[in-house]
Amino acid sequence: MKKPLEKGAFLPLVIVLLCLTLSMPLTGCPEEVKSNEKNIISFKINDTVGAIWKNKISVVVPDGTNLMSLEPEIRVSAGASVSPGSGVTNDFSNPTTYTVTAEDGTTVNYVVTVTNPNVRLASIALTTTSVKKEYQYEDILDLSGLIVTGTYTDVSTATIPANVWSATPLNGSTLTTTGVNTIIIAVENCLAQFDVTVSLKDSSINLDVGLDRKEVVIYGIPKGQEDNILIYWNKRLLNTPYVGGNADKPHEITISASEDYSSVAWYVDSSRVYNNYRDNIITIKAEDYTLKIPHNITFIGYMEGVWYSKTLTFTVLKQGDRL
């Protein structure tokens, strides 16, 4: 007859089995590993495929392509994404950055450069907001602050450096023409312009022969018939000591400025007139000027740090003619 098992006889065996079970490694479904691949595989604009080298992409598009509005077609690594996305319109007038993000969240940047081998400068525009436009006589032209912007045949724009464009008159030149001066900017065959004003301080200048009057009329006829020339000041015959030639039939007028001016210049119809002996004197001969057309004489003088000016108008007519 078998001896019955005592109570608790199986307990050591259960404990051994439990220990063996706990010491065995746990197994289950493996964790999914996310990809870190983040490459641009293909970058195409219209029918042009870009060249990819490391993290740089170069695309050469046909002449006339508008770089400011292009829709690239982009393929990236499986599971990755790109921003801006494929088919999204972008401006490629300057190098453009695209960011590729892998499944694991890591990123890489690609710089895309789109060029047109035959792009040309089409026009230029000037931004003169910060440019000096008001000058005094004999000030130096200062074009600092001038911004020249070029527009190209591919519709792209760019600021043109100061060492590329040229100015007429030259930047840094002395301004000696009063009134409105036009500044012309040139880049290749493109021109643009803006105006500056050159002014003088008007004053009661001490000039002989009545420069305080507004108009001189010189009655005369063309050169070779000087015997019939008469000079009238405000339609009165001049017969003062300041008039050169025959007092009965004067054909020229001499104007003089005070010698207190340290620097003197005369302009007739905007052209500088140089005298051979005394700068403060100018002689106007009727025979030298076109009939029936108003002419201007401008005196410019410098005294005690200030420039002064005075302008009068004269007309040459045949004797018996009227204005």
Protein backbone atom coordinates (compact mmCIF):
# COMPACT_ATOMS: atom_id res chain seq x y z
CA MET A 1 0.00 0.00 0.00
CA LYS A 2 1.40 3.37 -1.16
CA LYS A 3 2.31 5.88 1.46
CA PRO A 4 0.25 9.07 1.02
CA LEU A 5 2.18 12.31 0.22
CA GLU A 6 2.59 14.57 3.05
CA LYS A 7 1.08 18.01 2.97
CA GLY A 8 3.55 20.54 1.40
CA ALA A 9 5.63 17.95 -0.38
CA PHE A 10 5.29 19.76 -3.73
CA LEU A 11 6.15 23.20 -2.39
CA PRO A 12 9.93 23.05 -3.08
CA LEU A 13 9.24 21.98 -6.66
CA VAL A 14 6.86 24.90 -7.25
CA ILE A 15 9.43 27.36 -5.91
CA VAL A 16 12.15 25.97 -8.22
CA LEU A 17 9.91 26.24 -11.27
CA LEU A 18 8.92 29.81 -10.35
CA CYS A 19 12.57 30.84 -10.03
CA LEU A 20 13.41 29.34 -13.39
CA THR A 21 10.54 31.17 -15.00
CA LEU A 22 11.56 34.56 -13.58
CA SER A 23 15.17 34.08 -14.67
CA MET A 24 14.20 33.57 -18.34
CA PRO A 25 14.24 36.68 -20.58
CA LEU A 26 10.89 38.23 -21.43
CA THR A 27 10.00 38.16 -25.10
CA GLY A 28 7.36 40.06 -27.10
CA CYS A 29 6.83 42.31 -30.24
CA PRO A 30 10.08 44.18 -31.20
CA GLU A 31 9.96 48.04 -31.05
CA GLU A 32 9.76 49.75 -34.52
CA VAL A 33 12.97 51.58 -35.48
CA LYS A 34 12.34 54.92 -37.32
CA SER A 35 14.47 55.82 -40.32
CA ASN A 36 16.99 58.63 -40.22
CA GLU A 37 17.20 58.85 -44.03
CA LYS A 38 16.67 62.46 -45.17
CA ASN A 39 17.96 62.90 -48.68
CA ILE A 40 16.63 64.82 -51.66
CA ILE A 41 16.70 62.18 -54.38
CA SER A 42 15.48 64.34 -57.25
CA PHE A 43 14.86 68.09 -57.73
CA LYS A 44 13.27 69.12 -61.02
CA ILE A 45 11.90 72.43 -62.33
CA ASN A 46 9.70 72.05 -65.38
CA ASP A 47 11.74 69.67 -67.53
CA THR A 48 15.12 70.60 -66.05
CA VAL A 49 16.64 68.21 -63.53
CA GLY A 50 18.91 69.77 -60.93
CA ALA A 51 22.43 68.58 -60.14
CA ILE A 52 22.74 67.42 -56.52
CA TRP A 53 26.11 67.49 -54.77
CA LYS A 54 26.15 66.93 -51.02
CA ASN A 55 23.71 69.52 -49.64
CA LYS A 56 23.76 71.78 -52.69
CA ILE A 57 21.47 71.67 -55.70
CA SER A 58 22.03 73.60 -58.94
CA VAL A 59 19.40 74.07 -61.63
CA VAL A 60 20.03 75.87 -64.93
CA VAL A 61 16.75 76.97 -66.53
CA PRO A 62 16.10 78.22 -70.10
CA ASP A 63 16.52 81.89 -71.03
CA GLY A 64 13.54 84.04 -70.10
CA THR A 65 12.39 81.86 -67.20
CA ASN A 66 10.85 83.90 -64.38
CA LEU A 67 12.89 82.87 -61.35
CA MET A 68 10.46 84.54 -58.97
CA SER A 69 7.68 82.00 -59.53
CA LEU A 70 8.68 78.37 -60.02
CA GLU A 71 7.13 75.10 -58.84
CA PRO A 72 9.79 72.43 -58.27
CA GLU A 73 9.05 68.71 -58.27
CA ILE A 74 10.93 67.09 -55.36
CA ARG A 75 11.47 63.43 -54.35
CA VAL A 76 12.91 62.61 -50.92
CA SER A 77 13.86 59.51 -48.92
CA ALA A 78 11.06 57.09 -47.99
CA GLY A 79 9.22 58.32 -44.92
CA ALA A 80 10.89 61.77 -45.04
CA SER A 81 9.22 65.11 -45.74
CA VAL A 82 10.49 68.35 -47.30
CA SER A 83 9.66 72.01 -46.66
CA PRO A 84 8.68 73.93 -48.72
CA GLY A 85 6.90 71.00 -50.24
CA SER A 86 7.03 69.59 -53.72
CA GLY A 87 4.86 71.62 -56.13
CA VAL A 88 4.83 74.68 -53.87
CA THR A 89 5.58 77.91 -55.79
CA ASN A 90 8.80 79.57 -54.65
CA ASP A 91 11.03 82.55 -55.47
CA PHE A 92 14.43 81.42 -56.76
CA SER A 93 15.84 84.86 -57.61
CA ASN A 94 18.25 84.20 -54.73
CA PRO A 95 19.60 80.90 -53.31
CA THR A 96 16.75 79.12 -51.51
CA THR A 97 16.88 76.69 -48.59
CA TYR A 98 14.87 73.45 -48.44
CA THR A 99 14.65 71.42 -45.20
CA VAL A 100 14.26 67.62 -45.27
CA THR A 101 12.95 65.92 -42.10
CA ALA A 102 13.53 62.18 -41.53
CA GLU A 103 11.09 59.82 -39.78
CA ASP A 104 13.10 60.09 -36.58
CA GLY A 105 12.77 63.89 -36.58
CA THR A 106 16.34 64.73 -37.62
CA THR A 107 16.72 67.34 -40.34
CA VAL A 108 19.12 68.50 -43.05
CA ASN A 109 19.14 71.68 -45.18
CA TYR A 110 19.69 71.83 -48.93
CA VAL A 111 20.56 75.11 -50.66
CA VAL A 112 19.04 75.36 -54.15
CA THR A 113 20.49 77.78 -56.71
CA VAL A 114 18.56 78.40 -59.93
CA THR A 115 20.36 80.29 -62.69
CA ASN A 116 19.76 81.54 -66.19
CA PRO A 117 22.98 81.64 -68.23
CA ASN A 118 21.75 84.42 -70.52
CA VAL A 119 20.19 86.71 -67.93
CA ARG A 120 20.80 90.40 -68.68
CA LEU A 121 20.20 93.72 -66.99
CA ALA A 122 16.93 95.15 -68.30
CA SER A 123 16.56 98.41 -66.34
CA ILE A 124 17.66 100.27 -63.22
CA ALA A 125 15.71 102.22 -60.62
CA LEU A 126 16.97 104.74 -58.07
CA THR A 127 16.06 105.11 -54.41
CA THR A 128 17.08 108.64 -53.45
CA THR A 129 15.30 109.01 -50.12
CA SER A 130 18.58 109.41 -48.20
CA VAL A 131 20.46 111.37 -50.88
CA LYS A 132 21.30 115.06 -50.46
CA LYS A 133 19.39 117.12 -53.04
CA GLU A 134 19.89 120.73 -51.93
CA TYR A 135 23.31 122.33 -52.48
CA GLN A 136 24.98 125.70 -52.38
CA TYR A 137 27.19 126.97 -55.19
CA GLU A 138 30.54 125.11 -55.31
CA ASP A 139 29.37 122.40 -52.89
CA ILE A 140 30.65 118.87 -53.50
CA LEU A 141 28.20 116.40 -55.02
CA ASP A 142 27.52 113.70 -52.44
CA LEU A 143 25.75 110.56 -53.66
CA SER A 144 26.15 108.57 -50.46
CA GLY A 145 22.87 106.89 -49.60
CA LEU A 146 21.92 106.37 -53.25
CA ILE A 147 20.54 102.88 -53.87
CA VAL A 148 20.60 101.55 -57.44
CA THR A 149 18.40 98.51 -58.06
CA GLY A 150 18.68 96.45 -61.22
CA THR A 151 15.86 94.46 -62.80
CA TYR A 152 16.97 91.58 -65.03
CA THR A 153 15.46 89.77 -67.97
CA ASP A 154 14.42 86.91 -65.68
CA VAL A 155 12.42 89.47 -63.63
CA SER A 156 14.80 89.10 -60.68
CA THR A 157 16.09 92.21 -58.90
CA ALA A 158 19.29 93.02 -57.07
CA THR A 159 21.03 96.01 -55.54
CA ILE A 160 23.92 97.16 -57.74
CA PRO A 161 27.10 98.04 -55.79
CA ALA A 162 28.39 101.62 -55.92
CA ASN A 163 31.59 100.54 -57.64
CA VAL A 164 29.57 99.19 -60.59
CA TRP A 165 27.40 102.22 -61.50
CA SER A 166 28.71 105.59 -62.69
CA ALA A 167 27.37 109.13 -62.29
CA THR A 168 27.41 112.23 -64.48
CA PRO A 169 28.55 114.60 -63.07
CA LEU A 170 30.95 112.46 -61.06
CA ASN A 171 30.33 111.83 -57.41
CA GLY A 172 32.56 114.24 -55.49
CA SER A 173 32.66 116.84 -58.25
CA THR A 174 32.16 120.57 -57.58
CA LEU A 175 28.73 121.95 -58.48
CA THR A 176 29.09 125.29 -60.27
CA THR A 177 25.84 125.45 -62.25
CA THR A 178 23.02 127.12 -60.36
CA GLY A 179 19.45 125.93 -60.57
CA VAL A 180 18.32 122.37 -61.27
CA ASN A 181 21.13 119.91 -62.03
CA THR A 182 20.26 116.49 -63.44
CA ILE A 183 22.32 113.59 -62.11
CA ILE A 184 22.50 110.67 -64.55
CA ILE A 185 23.28 107.16 -63.26
CA ALA A 186 24.49 104.54 -65.74
CA VAL A 187 24.92 100.77 -65.51
CA GLU A 188 25.86 99.02 -68.74
CA ASN A 189 23.33 100.40 -71.24
CA CYS A 190 20.72 101.33 -68.64
CA LEU A 191 20.20 104.92 -67.45
CA ALA A 192 18.22 106.58 -64.67
CA GLN A 193 18.28 110.13 -63.35
CA PHE A 194 17.22 112.47 -60.58
CA ASP A 195 17.56 116.20 -59.92
CA VAL A 196 19.43 118.25 -57.34
CA THR A 197 19.18 122.01 -56.83
CA VAL A 198 22.18 124.33 -56.58
CA SER A 199 21.40 127.75 -55.16
CA LEU A 200 23.15 130.99 -54.28
CA LYS A 201 22.41 133.64 -51.73
CA ASP A 202 20.94 136.58 -53.64
CA SER A 203 22.03 139.99 -52.47
CA SER A 204 22.18 143.65 -53.40
CA ILE A 205 25.54 143.29 -55.12
CA ASN A 206 27.52 146.44 -55.81
CA LEU A 207 27.72 146.26 -59.60
CA ASP A 208 28.16 149.21 -61.92
CA VAL A 209 25.95 149.99 -64.88
CA GLY A 210 22.76 149.31 -63.00
CA LEU A 211 22.74 145.57 -62.48
CA ASP A 212 19.89 146.24 -60.09
CA ARG A 213 17.75 146.66 -63.19
CA LYS A 214 16.06 143.56 -64.50
CA GLU A 215 16.49 143.88 -68.24
CA VAL A 216 19.00 145.17 -70.77
CA VAL A 217 18.11 145.67 -74.42
CA ILE A 218 21.00 145.83 -76.88
CA TYR A 219 19.85 147.16 -80.22
CA GLY A 220 22.09 146.02 -83.04
CA ILE A 221 22.49 144.14 -86.30
CA PRO A 222 24.73 141.24 -87.25
CA LYS A 223 28.51 141.46 -87.20
CA GLY A 224 29.97 143.54 -90.03
CA GLN A 225 27.39 146.31 -89.71
CA GLU A 226 28.41 147.57 -86.28
CA ASP A 227 27.92 151.22 -87.30
CA ASN A 228 24.18 150.75 -86.90
CA ILE A 229 24.35 149.10 -83.47
CA LEU A 230 22.71 150.84 -80.56
CA ILE A 231 22.57 149.62 -76.96
CA TYR A 232 19.55 150.55 -74.89
CA TRP A 233 19.09 149.95 -71.18
CA ASN A 234 15.43 149.59 -70.41
CA LYS A 235 14.83 151.14 -73.81
CA ARG A 236 16.91 154.25 -73.00
CA LEU A 237 20.08 155.01 -74.91
CA LEU A 238 23.13 154.40 -72.76
CA ASN A 239 25.54 157.28 -72.71
CA THR A 240 27.28 156.81 -69.39
CA PRO A 241 31.06 156.39 -68.82
CA TYR A 242 30.51 152.66 -68.34
CA VAL A 243 29.49 152.12 -71.95
CA GLY A 244 32.22 151.11 -74.37
CA GLY A 245 32.33 152.33 -77.97
CA ASN A 246 30.66 155.36 -79.45
CA ALA A 247 28.30 157.00 -76.95
CA ASP A 248 25.98 158.00 -79.78
CA LYS A 249 25.87 154.50 -81.25
CA PRO A 250 26.98 152.14 -78.48
CA HIS A 251 27.23 148.47 -79.45
CA GLU A 252 28.64 146.99 -76.26
CA ILE A 253 28.26 147.32 -72.52
CA THR A 254 30.85 146.88 -69.78
CA ILE A 255 29.79 145.66 -66.35
CA SER A 256 32.08 145.66 -63.34
CA ALA A 257 31.86 144.21 -59.85
CA SER A 258 33.40 145.46 -56.64
CA GLU A 259 36.95 144.28 -56.04
CA ASP A 260 35.91 143.33 -52.49
CA TYR A 261 34.87 139.93 -53.85
CA SER A 262 37.70 137.46 -53.37
CA SER A 263 36.42 135.19 -56.14
CA VAL A 264 34.38 136.23 -59.16
CA ALA A 265 32.78 134.34 -62.04
CA TRP A 266 30.64 135.46 -64.97
CA TYR A 267 28.26 133.26 -66.91
CA VAL A 268 26.45 134.14 -70.12
CA ASP A 269 23.67 131.72 -71.01
CA SER A 270 25.10 129.24 -68.45
CA SER A 271 28.56 129.25 -70.08
CA ARG A 272 31.54 130.53 -68.10
CA VAL A 273 33.11 133.67 -69.58
CA TYR A 274 36.79 134.36 -68.87
CA ASN A 275 38.33 137.82 -69.13
CA ASN A 276 41.94 138.33 -70.07
CA TYR A 277 42.77 141.06 -67.62
CA ARG A 278 40.33 141.70 -64.76
CA ASP A 279 37.93 139.09 -63.45
CA ASN A 280 35.58 141.67 -61.97
CA ILE A 281 34.76 143.17 -65.39
CA ILE A 282 32.81 141.73 -68.31
CA THR A 283 32.09 143.31 -71.70
CA ILE A 284 29.03 142.28 -73.71
CA LYS A 285 29.12 142.93 -77.46
CA ALA A 286 25.88 142.88 -79.41
CA GLU A 287 27.58 141.30 -82.43
CA ASP A 288 28.31 138.11 -80.45
CA TYR A 289 24.71 137.19 -79.73
CA THR A 290 21.69 135.96 -81.66
CA LEU A 291 19.04 138.55 -82.44
CA LYS A 292 15.65 138.59 -80.71
CA ILE A 293 16.52 135.88 -78.18
CA PRO A 294 16.78 136.73 -74.45
CA HIS A 295 20.26 136.10 -73.01
CA ASN A 296 21.24 135.89 -69.35
CA ILE A 297 24.29 137.35 -67.62
CA THR A 298 24.98 135.91 -64.18
CA PHE A 299 27.53 137.33 -61.80
CA ILE A 300 28.78 135.10 -58.94
CA GLY A 301 30.96 136.53 -56.22
CA TYR A 302 32.47 135.22 -53.00
CA MET A 303 32.88 137.47 -49.97
CA GLU A 304 33.53 136.67 -46.31
CA GLY A 305 32.52 133.02 -46.58
CA VAL A 306 29.31 133.59 -48.57
CA TRP A 307 28.58 133.20 -52.28
CA TYR A 308 26.36 135.84 -53.88
CA SER A 309 24.77 136.03 -57.31
CA LYS A 310 22.93 138.41 -59.57
CA THR A 311 21.34 137.74 -62.96
CA LEU A 312 20.09 140.12 -65.65
CA THR A 313 18.59 139.54 -69.08
CA PHE A 314 19.49 141.31 -72.33
CA THR A 315 18.21 141.05 -75.90
CA VAL A 316 19.91 142.05 -79.15
CA LEU A 317 17.63 143.67 -81.73
CA LYS A 318 18.01 145.53 -84.99
CA GLN A 319 17.55 149.25 -84.73
CA GLY A 320 13.89 150.00 -85.03
CA ASP A 321 12.77 146.55 -83.86
CA ARG A 322 10.75 146.15 -80.72
CA LEU A 323 10.68 143.43 -78.08
